[in-house]
Protein backbone atom coordinates (compact mmCIF):
# COMPACT_ATOMS: atom_id res chain seq x y z
CA MET A 1 42.72 36.11 3.42
CA GLY A 2 43.52 32.44 4.44
CA ALA A 3 46.67 32.43 2.31
CA LEU A 4 47.91 35.60 3.89
CA LYS A 5 47.49 34.04 7.34
CA LEU A 6 49.18 30.99 6.19
CA LEU A 7 52.18 33.01 4.97
CA ILE A 8 52.39 35.10 8.11
CA GLY A 9 52.31 31.79 10.12
CA VAL A 10 55.06 30.30 8.02
CA LEU A 11 57.19 33.43 8.34
CA LEU A 12 56.76 33.40 12.15
CA LEU A 13 57.98 29.87 12.22
CA VAL A 14 60.94 30.11 9.71
CA VAL A 15 62.44 33.42 10.73
CA PRO A 16 63.24 32.53 14.43
CA LEU A 17 64.64 29.05 13.27
CA GLY A 18 66.82 30.85 10.80
CA LEU A 19 68.12 33.23 13.46
CA TYR A 20 69.01 30.23 15.64
CA ALA A 21 70.58 28.48 12.61
CA TYR A 22 72.58 31.72 11.68
CA GLU A 23 74.02 31.94 15.33
CA LEU A 24 74.99 28.34 15.20
CA MET A 25 76.99 28.99 12.03
CA GLY A 26 79.01 31.58 13.81
CA GLY A 27 77.12 34.81 13.11
CA GLU A 28 76.34 37.39 15.66
CA ILE A 29 72.86 38.96 15.54
CA GLY A 30 72.36 42.67 16.28
CA LEU A 31 74.34 44.30 19.05
CA GLY A 32 75.58 41.32 20.98
CA VAL A 33 72.33 39.38 21.12
CA TYR A 34 72.78 35.77 21.39
CA MET A 35 69.75 33.81 20.57
CA TRP A 36 70.74 30.44 22.23
CA LYS A 37 71.75 32.13 25.50
CA SER A 38 68.42 34.01 25.50
CA LEU A 39 66.43 30.85 24.79
CA GLY A 40 68.25 29.30 27.78
CA THR A 41 67.28 32.18 29.94
CA VAL A 42 63.64 31.94 28.80
CA ILE A 43 63.48 28.18 29.45
CA GLN A 44 65.11 28.65 32.99
CA GLY A 45 62.50 31.35 33.65
CA THR A 46 59.50 29.52 32.43
CA LEU A 47 60.29 25.93 33.70
CA PRO A 48 59.63 26.47 37.45
CA PRO A 49 56.14 28.04 36.82
CA PHE A 50 55.34 25.33 34.43
CA ILE A 51 56.18 22.65 36.91
CA MET A 52 54.19 24.49 39.53
CA LEU A 53 51.12 24.53 37.22
CA ILE A 54 51.49 20.73 36.71
CA GLY A 55 51.68 20.26 40.53
CA LEU A 56 48.69 22.52 40.99
CA PHE A 57 46.75 20.43 38.33
CA ILE A 58 47.73 17.22 40.24
CA VAL A 59 46.51 18.52 43.49
CA TRP A 60 43.34 19.65 41.95
CA LEU A 61 42.66 16.29 40.43
CA GLU A 62 43.29 14.42 43.71
CA LEU A 63 40.98 16.79 45.64
CA ASP A 64 38.26 16.32 43.07
CA GLU A 65 38.77 12.56 43.27
CA TRP A 66 38.48 12.60 47.05
CA LYS A 67 35.28 14.61 46.71
CA ILE A 68 33.73 12.25 44.31
CA GLU A 69 34.71 9.25 46.42
CA LYS A 70 33.11 10.96 49.44
CA GLU A 71 29.89 11.57 47.44
CA LEU A 72 29.82 8.01 46.14
CA LYS A 73 30.11 6.63 49.62
CA ALA A 74 27.19 8.89 50.80
CA GLU A 75 25.09 7.74 47.91
CA GLU A 76 25.85 4.04 48.63
CA GLU A 77 24.93 4.39 52.31
CA LYS A 78 21.65 6.15 51.28
CA GLU A 79 20.91 3.28 48.81
CA LYS A 80 21.52 0.74 51.44
CA GLU A 81 19.22 2.60 53.97
CA VAL A 82 16.56 2.81 51.23
CA LYS A 83 16.84 -0.84 50.39
CA GLN A 84 16.68 -1.83 54.09
CA ALA A 85 13.66 0.38 54.52
CA ARG A 86 11.67 -0.96 51.50
CA PRO A 87 11.08 -4.51 52.74
CA VAL A 88 9.75 -3.12 56.00
CA ARG A 89 7.26 -0.84 54.20
CA ALA A 90 6.29 -3.63 51.76
CA ALA A 91 5.60 -6.08 54.67
CA LYS A 92 3.45 -3.44 56.42
CA LYS A 93 1.41 -2.72 53.25
CA ALA A 94 0.93 -6.41 52.28
CA PRO A 95 -1.49 -7.37 55.21
CA ALA A 96 -3.57 -4.31 54.56
CA LYS A 97 -4.11 -5.37 50.97
CA LYS A 98 -5.03 -8.92 52.04
CA ALA A 99 -7.52 -7.52 54.69
CA ALA A 100 -9.09 -5.39 51.93
CA LYS A 101 -9.47 -8.40 49.72
CA LYS A 102 -11.05 -10.41 52.48
CA LYS A 103 -13.67 -7.72 53.11
CA LYS A 104 -14.88 -7.80 49.51
């Protein structure tokens, strides 16, 4: 089955290339079908949507980057608040421990 798929794949690659080469050599295909002209039309039709997709991807990446930066800033501020609050809590707990040791 794998060899059959390989053969079909090779045919799907070679036949269109052969049609383009035949037209380059001066042959006309079918009833006035010009492969190179058709290829140009396809490229003209697909290029703008492709460029639009690239732009959409760039916008999506930038929005995601802004979101991540905002989250990182919020985390950093939260960590700063926690670090500033810890020494105060530790200082409050320390005298209580010393007082408990003195009672023993």
